[in-house]
N, C-alpha and C. Protein backbone atom coordinates (compact mmCIF):
# COMPACT_ATOMS: atom_id res chain seq x y z
N MET A 1 -33.33 -2.14 -36.70
CA MET A 1 -33.28 -3.39 -35.94
C MET A 1 -32.15 -3.28 -34.92
N SER A 2 -32.40 -3.74 -33.71
CA SER A 2 -31.42 -3.65 -32.63
C SER A 2 -30.84 -5.02 -32.32
N ARG A 3 -29.51 -5.10 -32.23
CA ARG A 3 -28.82 -6.34 -31.92
C ARG A 3 -28.30 -6.31 -30.50
N VAL A 4 -28.11 -7.48 -29.93
CA VAL A 4 -27.49 -7.57 -28.60
C VAL A 4 -26.05 -7.09 -28.74
N VAL A 5 -25.67 -6.12 -27.89
CA VAL A 5 -24.32 -5.55 -27.96
C VAL A 5 -23.54 -5.73 -26.66
N HIS A 6 -24.20 -6.22 -25.61
CA HIS A 6 -23.55 -6.29 -24.30
C HIS A 6 -24.34 -7.25 -23.42
N PHE A 7 -23.67 -7.95 -22.54
CA PHE A 7 -24.34 -8.78 -21.54
C PHE A 7 -23.78 -8.44 -20.18
N GLU A 8 -24.53 -8.78 -19.14
CA GLU A 8 -24.05 -8.57 -17.77
C GLU A 8 -24.26 -9.83 -16.95
N ILE A 9 -23.30 -10.09 -16.09
CA ILE A 9 -23.37 -11.20 -15.14
C ILE A 9 -23.38 -10.60 -13.75
N GLN A 10 -24.35 -10.98 -12.95
CA GLN A 10 -24.39 -10.56 -11.56
C GLN A 10 -23.81 -11.69 -10.71
N ALA A 11 -23.04 -11.31 -9.69
CA ALA A 11 -22.35 -12.32 -8.88
C ALA A 11 -22.45 -12.00 -7.40
N ASP A 12 -22.55 -13.05 -6.59
CA ASP A 12 -22.49 -12.88 -5.14
C ASP A 12 -21.07 -12.53 -4.71
N ASP A 13 -20.08 -13.12 -5.37
CA ASP A 13 -18.67 -12.90 -5.06
C ASP A 13 -17.97 -12.56 -6.38
N VAL A 14 -17.75 -11.28 -6.62
CA VAL A 14 -17.21 -10.82 -7.90
C VAL A 14 -15.84 -11.41 -8.18
N GLU A 15 -14.96 -11.44 -7.19
CA GLU A 15 -13.62 -12.00 -7.41
C GLU A 15 -13.69 -13.48 -7.77
N ARG A 16 -14.56 -14.21 -7.11
CA ARG A 16 -14.71 -15.64 -7.42
C ARG A 16 -15.23 -15.81 -8.85
N ALA A 17 -16.19 -14.98 -9.25
CA ALA A 17 -16.74 -15.05 -10.60
C ALA A 17 -15.67 -14.71 -11.65
N LYS A 18 -14.87 -13.67 -11.37
CA LYS A 18 -13.79 -13.31 -12.29
C LYS A 18 -12.83 -14.49 -12.46
N SER A 19 -12.46 -15.12 -11.37
CA SER A 19 -11.55 -16.27 -11.43
C SER A 19 -12.15 -17.41 -12.24
N PHE A 20 -13.43 -17.66 -12.03
CA PHE A 20 -14.13 -18.74 -12.75
C PHE A 20 -14.10 -18.49 -14.26
N TYR A 21 -14.57 -17.33 -14.69
CA TYR A 21 -14.68 -17.05 -16.12
C TYR A 21 -13.31 -16.92 -16.79
N ALA A 22 -12.32 -16.43 -16.06
CA ALA A 22 -10.96 -16.38 -16.61
C ALA A 22 -10.42 -17.80 -16.80
N ALA A 23 -10.64 -18.67 -15.82
CA ALA A 23 -10.13 -20.04 -15.89
C ALA A 23 -10.84 -20.86 -16.96
N VAL A 24 -12.15 -20.68 -17.09
CA VAL A 24 -12.93 -21.51 -18.01
C VAL A 24 -12.84 -21.01 -19.45
N PHE A 25 -12.99 -19.69 -19.66
CA PHE A 25 -13.09 -19.14 -21.02
C PHE A 25 -11.94 -18.22 -21.42
N ASP A 26 -10.97 -18.02 -20.53
CA ASP A 26 -9.87 -17.08 -20.78
C ASP A 26 -10.34 -15.64 -20.96
N TRP A 27 -11.47 -15.29 -20.34
CA TRP A 27 -11.95 -13.91 -20.41
C TRP A 27 -11.04 -13.02 -19.57
N SER A 28 -10.92 -11.76 -19.97
CA SER A 28 -10.16 -10.79 -19.19
C SER A 28 -11.11 -9.70 -18.68
N PHE A 29 -10.67 -9.00 -17.63
CA PHE A 29 -11.52 -8.04 -16.93
C PHE A 29 -10.81 -6.71 -16.77
N GLU A 30 -11.56 -5.62 -16.93
CA GLU A 30 -11.02 -4.27 -16.78
C GLU A 30 -11.95 -3.48 -15.86
N ASP A 31 -11.38 -2.75 -14.93
CA ASP A 31 -12.16 -1.97 -13.98
C ASP A 31 -12.82 -0.78 -14.69
N TYR A 32 -14.15 -0.81 -14.79
CA TYR A 32 -14.93 0.27 -15.39
C TYR A 32 -15.68 1.07 -14.33
N GLY A 33 -15.31 0.90 -13.07
CA GLY A 33 -16.02 1.54 -11.98
C GLY A 33 -16.13 3.05 -12.10
N GLN A 34 -15.06 3.70 -12.52
CA GLN A 34 -15.10 5.17 -12.63
C GLN A 34 -16.10 5.60 -13.71
N MET A 35 -16.14 4.89 -14.82
CA MET A 35 -17.06 5.23 -15.90
C MET A 35 -18.51 4.91 -15.51
N ALA A 36 -18.72 3.79 -14.82
CA ALA A 36 -20.06 3.35 -14.47
C ALA A 36 -20.60 4.04 -13.22
N GLY A 37 -19.73 4.61 -12.41
CA GLY A 37 -20.17 5.27 -11.19
C GLY A 37 -20.38 4.31 -10.03
N SER A 38 -20.02 3.05 -10.20
CA SER A 38 -20.09 2.05 -9.14
C SER A 38 -19.16 0.90 -9.53
N ALA A 39 -18.96 -0.05 -8.62
CA ALA A 39 -18.09 -1.19 -8.91
C ALA A 39 -18.61 -1.95 -10.13
N TYR A 40 -17.79 -2.03 -11.16
CA TYR A 40 -18.22 -2.67 -12.41
C TYR A 40 -16.97 -3.11 -13.17
N TRP A 41 -16.97 -4.34 -13.63
CA TRP A 41 -15.84 -4.89 -14.37
C TRP A 41 -16.27 -5.17 -15.81
N GLY A 42 -15.58 -4.56 -16.78
CA GLY A 42 -15.81 -4.89 -18.18
C GLY A 42 -15.20 -6.24 -18.49
N ILE A 43 -15.88 -7.02 -19.31
CA ILE A 43 -15.41 -8.35 -19.70
C ILE A 43 -15.06 -8.34 -21.18
N THR A 44 -13.85 -8.75 -21.51
CA THR A 44 -13.46 -8.98 -22.90
C THR A 44 -13.48 -10.47 -23.12
N THR A 45 -14.34 -10.91 -24.05
CA THR A 45 -14.54 -12.34 -24.26
C THR A 45 -13.65 -12.92 -25.36
N GLY A 46 -12.99 -12.05 -26.12
CA GLY A 46 -12.12 -12.53 -27.18
C GLY A 46 -11.63 -11.39 -28.04
N PRO A 47 -10.84 -11.72 -29.07
CA PRO A 47 -10.29 -10.71 -29.96
C PRO A 47 -11.39 -9.97 -30.73
N GLU A 48 -11.16 -8.69 -31.01
CA GLU A 48 -12.15 -7.87 -31.72
C GLU A 48 -12.41 -8.37 -33.14
N ASP A 49 -11.47 -9.09 -33.74
CA ASP A 49 -11.65 -9.56 -35.11
C ASP A 49 -12.40 -10.89 -35.18
N GLU A 50 -12.92 -11.39 -34.05
CA GLU A 50 -13.71 -12.61 -34.02
C GLU A 50 -15.15 -12.26 -33.65
N PRO A 51 -16.15 -13.03 -34.14
CA PRO A 51 -17.54 -12.77 -33.78
C PRO A 51 -17.76 -12.90 -32.27
N GLY A 52 -18.68 -12.14 -31.75
CA GLY A 52 -19.03 -12.22 -30.34
C GLY A 52 -19.20 -10.84 -29.74
N ILE A 53 -19.63 -10.81 -28.49
CA ILE A 53 -19.83 -9.55 -27.79
C ILE A 53 -19.10 -9.61 -26.45
N ASN A 54 -18.85 -8.44 -25.90
CA ASN A 54 -18.24 -8.32 -24.58
C ASN A 54 -19.32 -7.99 -23.56
N GLY A 55 -18.96 -8.00 -22.29
CA GLY A 55 -19.96 -7.79 -21.26
C GLY A 55 -19.43 -7.10 -20.03
N GLY A 56 -20.16 -7.29 -18.94
CA GLY A 56 -19.79 -6.69 -17.68
C GLY A 56 -20.12 -7.62 -16.53
N LEU A 57 -19.44 -7.39 -15.41
CA LEU A 57 -19.62 -8.18 -14.19
C LEU A 57 -19.82 -7.22 -13.04
N LEU A 58 -20.84 -7.46 -12.23
CA LEU A 58 -21.12 -6.58 -11.11
C LEU A 58 -21.64 -7.37 -9.92
N GLN A 59 -21.59 -6.75 -8.76
CA GLN A 59 -22.12 -7.33 -7.53
C GLN A 59 -23.62 -7.48 -7.68
N ARG A 60 -24.15 -8.62 -7.31
CA ARG A 60 -25.60 -8.86 -7.38
C ARG A 60 -26.30 -7.88 -6.43
N PRO A 61 -27.29 -7.11 -6.94
CA PRO A 61 -27.95 -6.11 -6.10
C PRO A 61 -29.06 -6.67 -5.21
N ALA A 62 -29.47 -7.90 -5.45
CA ALA A 62 -30.54 -8.53 -4.67
C ALA A 62 -30.28 -10.04 -4.66
N PRO A 63 -30.86 -10.76 -3.73
CA PRO A 63 -30.62 -12.21 -3.69
C PRO A 63 -31.03 -12.90 -4.99
N ALA A 64 -30.25 -13.88 -5.39
CA ALA A 64 -30.60 -14.70 -6.55
C ALA A 64 -31.80 -15.57 -6.20
N PRO A 65 -32.61 -15.95 -7.21
CA PRO A 65 -33.71 -16.87 -6.92
C PRO A 65 -33.18 -18.18 -6.37
N GLY A 66 -33.90 -18.77 -5.45
CA GLY A 66 -33.51 -20.05 -4.89
C GLY A 66 -33.73 -21.17 -5.88
N ALA A 67 -33.23 -22.35 -5.56
CA ALA A 67 -33.41 -23.51 -6.43
C ALA A 67 -34.89 -23.74 -6.69
N GLY A 68 -35.24 -23.97 -7.94
CA GLY A 68 -36.62 -24.23 -8.32
C GLY A 68 -37.50 -23.00 -8.42
N GLN A 69 -36.91 -21.80 -8.28
CA GLN A 69 -37.71 -20.57 -8.31
C GLN A 69 -37.57 -19.81 -9.62
N GLY A 70 -37.10 -20.42 -10.64
CA GLY A 70 -36.99 -19.73 -11.92
C GLY A 70 -35.55 -19.52 -12.34
N THR A 71 -35.40 -18.98 -13.52
CA THR A 71 -34.08 -18.82 -14.12
C THR A 71 -33.32 -17.67 -13.50
N ASN A 72 -32.07 -17.88 -13.26
CA ASN A 72 -31.13 -16.86 -12.83
C ASN A 72 -30.21 -16.68 -14.04
N ALA A 73 -30.35 -15.54 -14.77
CA ALA A 73 -29.71 -15.44 -16.07
C ALA A 73 -28.88 -14.18 -16.23
N PHE A 74 -28.16 -14.10 -17.34
CA PHE A 74 -27.43 -12.90 -17.73
C PHE A 74 -28.44 -11.87 -18.22
N VAL A 75 -28.07 -10.60 -18.15
CA VAL A 75 -28.88 -9.52 -18.70
C VAL A 75 -28.23 -9.09 -20.02
N CYS A 76 -28.99 -9.11 -21.10
CA CYS A 76 -28.49 -8.65 -22.39
C CYS A 76 -28.91 -7.22 -22.63
N THR A 77 -28.06 -6.48 -23.32
CA THR A 77 -28.31 -5.08 -23.65
C THR A 77 -28.31 -4.92 -25.16
N MET A 78 -29.32 -4.23 -25.69
CA MET A 78 -29.43 -3.98 -27.12
C MET A 78 -28.93 -2.59 -27.46
N GLY A 79 -28.16 -2.49 -28.52
CA GLY A 79 -27.73 -1.20 -29.03
C GLY A 79 -28.88 -0.54 -29.76
N VAL A 80 -29.10 0.75 -29.52
CA VAL A 80 -30.18 1.49 -30.18
C VAL A 80 -29.64 2.80 -30.72
N GLY A 81 -30.32 3.34 -31.74
CA GLY A 81 -29.93 4.60 -32.33
C GLY A 81 -30.54 5.80 -31.63
N ASP A 82 -31.72 5.61 -31.03
CA ASP A 82 -32.44 6.71 -30.37
C ASP A 82 -33.00 6.18 -29.06
N TYR A 83 -32.32 6.49 -27.97
CA TYR A 83 -32.72 5.97 -26.66
C TYR A 83 -34.17 6.32 -26.33
N ASP A 84 -34.51 7.60 -26.43
CA ASP A 84 -35.84 8.05 -26.00
C ASP A 84 -36.96 7.42 -26.83
N GLU A 85 -36.75 7.28 -28.12
CA GLU A 85 -37.75 6.64 -28.98
C GLU A 85 -37.90 5.17 -28.62
N THR A 86 -36.78 4.51 -28.37
CA THR A 86 -36.83 3.09 -28.00
C THR A 86 -37.56 2.93 -26.67
N GLU A 87 -37.29 3.80 -25.70
CA GLU A 87 -38.00 3.73 -24.43
C GLU A 87 -39.51 3.92 -24.64
N ARG A 88 -39.88 4.86 -25.49
CA ARG A 88 -41.30 5.08 -25.78
C ARG A 88 -41.94 3.80 -26.31
N ARG A 89 -41.25 3.13 -27.21
CA ARG A 89 -41.77 1.89 -27.79
C ARG A 89 -41.87 0.78 -26.74
N ILE A 90 -40.88 0.69 -25.86
CA ILE A 90 -40.90 -0.31 -24.78
C ILE A 90 -42.14 -0.11 -23.91
N LEU A 91 -42.36 1.12 -23.48
CA LEU A 91 -43.49 1.42 -22.59
C LEU A 91 -44.82 1.21 -23.30
N ALA A 92 -44.91 1.59 -24.57
CA ALA A 92 -46.14 1.41 -25.34
C ALA A 92 -46.49 -0.06 -25.53
N ALA A 93 -45.47 -0.91 -25.57
CA ALA A 93 -45.69 -2.35 -25.75
C ALA A 93 -45.95 -3.08 -24.45
N GLY A 94 -45.98 -2.36 -23.32
CA GLY A 94 -46.28 -2.98 -22.04
C GLY A 94 -45.07 -3.21 -21.16
N GLY A 95 -43.89 -2.75 -21.57
CA GLY A 95 -42.70 -2.88 -20.73
C GLY A 95 -42.71 -1.86 -19.61
N GLN A 96 -41.79 -2.02 -18.67
CA GLN A 96 -41.69 -1.12 -17.52
C GLN A 96 -40.23 -0.72 -17.31
N VAL A 97 -40.03 0.47 -16.77
CA VAL A 97 -38.68 0.93 -16.42
C VAL A 97 -38.22 0.17 -15.18
N ALA A 98 -37.04 -0.44 -15.26
CA ALA A 98 -36.44 -1.09 -14.10
C ALA A 98 -35.38 -0.19 -13.48
N MET A 99 -34.63 0.52 -14.32
CA MET A 99 -33.61 1.48 -13.89
C MET A 99 -33.57 2.57 -14.95
N PRO A 100 -33.90 3.81 -14.58
CA PRO A 100 -34.03 4.87 -15.57
C PRO A 100 -32.74 5.17 -16.33
N LYS A 101 -32.92 5.86 -17.44
CA LYS A 101 -31.83 6.31 -18.29
C LYS A 101 -30.75 7.00 -17.46
N MET A 102 -29.50 6.61 -17.72
CA MET A 102 -28.38 7.23 -17.01
C MET A 102 -27.22 7.40 -17.99
N ALA A 103 -26.37 8.34 -17.69
CA ALA A 103 -25.20 8.58 -18.51
C ALA A 103 -24.06 7.68 -18.07
N LEU A 104 -23.44 7.01 -19.02
CA LEU A 104 -22.14 6.38 -18.81
C LEU A 104 -21.18 7.43 -19.38
N THR A 105 -20.68 8.25 -18.51
CA THR A 105 -19.98 9.47 -18.86
C THR A 105 -18.97 9.28 -20.00
N GLY A 106 -19.16 10.08 -21.04
CA GLY A 106 -18.27 10.06 -22.18
C GLY A 106 -18.42 8.86 -23.09
N MET A 107 -19.44 8.03 -22.83
CA MET A 107 -19.58 6.80 -23.60
C MET A 107 -20.96 6.61 -24.19
N ALA A 108 -22.02 6.67 -23.34
CA ALA A 108 -23.34 6.27 -23.83
C ALA A 108 -24.44 6.60 -22.81
N TRP A 109 -25.67 6.42 -23.27
CA TRP A 109 -26.85 6.42 -22.40
C TRP A 109 -27.26 4.98 -22.19
N GLN A 110 -27.60 4.62 -20.96
CA GLN A 110 -27.92 3.23 -20.60
C GLN A 110 -29.13 3.23 -19.68
N GLY A 111 -29.96 2.23 -19.81
CA GLY A 111 -31.09 2.03 -18.90
C GLY A 111 -31.53 0.58 -18.96
N TYR A 112 -32.39 0.19 -18.00
CA TYR A 112 -32.85 -1.19 -17.90
C TYR A 112 -34.36 -1.21 -17.80
N TYR A 113 -34.95 -2.26 -18.36
CA TYR A 113 -36.41 -2.38 -18.46
C TYR A 113 -36.82 -3.82 -18.15
N LEU A 114 -38.11 -3.97 -17.86
CA LEU A 114 -38.71 -5.29 -17.71
C LEU A 114 -39.63 -5.51 -18.89
N ASP A 115 -39.53 -6.68 -19.50
CA ASP A 115 -40.47 -7.00 -20.57
C ASP A 115 -41.80 -7.43 -19.95
N THR A 116 -42.74 -7.83 -20.77
CA THR A 116 -44.07 -8.21 -20.26
C THR A 116 -44.04 -9.48 -19.44
N GLU A 117 -42.91 -10.20 -19.45
CA GLU A 117 -42.77 -11.44 -18.67
C GLU A 117 -41.94 -11.24 -17.43
N GLY A 118 -41.51 -10.01 -17.16
CA GLY A 118 -40.69 -9.72 -15.98
C GLY A 118 -39.20 -9.92 -16.18
N ASN A 119 -38.77 -10.15 -17.43
CA ASN A 119 -37.34 -10.32 -17.72
C ASN A 119 -36.67 -8.97 -17.87
N THR A 120 -35.46 -8.84 -17.33
CA THR A 120 -34.70 -7.59 -17.41
C THR A 120 -33.86 -7.57 -18.68
N PHE A 121 -33.83 -6.41 -19.34
CA PHE A 121 -32.95 -6.18 -20.48
C PHE A 121 -32.52 -4.72 -20.47
N GLY A 122 -31.44 -4.43 -21.16
CA GLY A 122 -30.94 -3.07 -21.22
C GLY A 122 -31.00 -2.51 -22.61
N ILE A 123 -30.98 -1.16 -22.70
CA ILE A 123 -30.78 -0.50 -23.98
C ILE A 123 -29.61 0.47 -23.82
N HIS A 124 -28.88 0.68 -24.92
CA HIS A 124 -27.60 1.40 -24.88
C HIS A 124 -27.48 2.22 -26.15
N GLN A 125 -27.42 3.55 -25.99
CA GLN A 125 -27.20 4.44 -27.14
C GLN A 125 -25.83 5.08 -27.00
N PRO A 126 -24.88 4.72 -27.88
CA PRO A 126 -23.57 5.36 -27.81
C PRO A 126 -23.69 6.87 -27.98
N ASP A 127 -22.97 7.62 -27.14
CA ASP A 127 -22.98 9.08 -27.20
C ASP A 127 -21.81 9.58 -26.37
N THR A 128 -20.75 10.03 -27.03
CA THR A 128 -19.57 10.49 -26.31
C THR A 128 -19.81 11.76 -25.51
N SER A 129 -20.95 12.43 -25.75
CA SER A 129 -21.26 13.64 -24.97
C SER A 129 -22.14 13.35 -23.76
N ALA A 130 -22.45 12.08 -23.52
CA ALA A 130 -23.28 11.73 -22.35
C ALA A 130 -22.57 12.14 -21.06
N ALA A 131 -23.33 12.84 -20.22
CA ALA A 131 -22.74 13.31 -18.95
C ALA A 131 -23.80 13.37 -17.87
C-alpha cells in the first residue's frame, strides 16, 4: 500500500507564496534547486516527531485555471517500493505519463502521471544511488 509522502504547491510568484505560507503556518523553506535540477524549494511543515508530511514549492509551469474552470490544487506524491512496477500498474489502469521518471540525484526516482480524470499525481521511490 502506498501513502502520500510529499505534496507540491505551484505558484505564480514563489517569493510571495513562501511569505504567505511562512506567515500563516510557520512553514520553513530550503533551496533544493541543485538536487531537483531546477528552482525548487523544500517545505518543512513541522517537527519530525509530529504527524504530517513535508512538500515542495515551485514556479507554476503553465497558467492556472481561471475562475470557474475547475480546481487549482496541490500535487500529492505517493511513496512506492518499486517505481517501474508502479508505473506499469498506473498505465494498465488507464493512467498516462505526465512527466517521465527522473533521478533526484542521490535521493530518489520521481515521476508524474495523470489519473483517468486528468488529475496529476507523483510517485517517488527512495534510492540513494539515483543519478
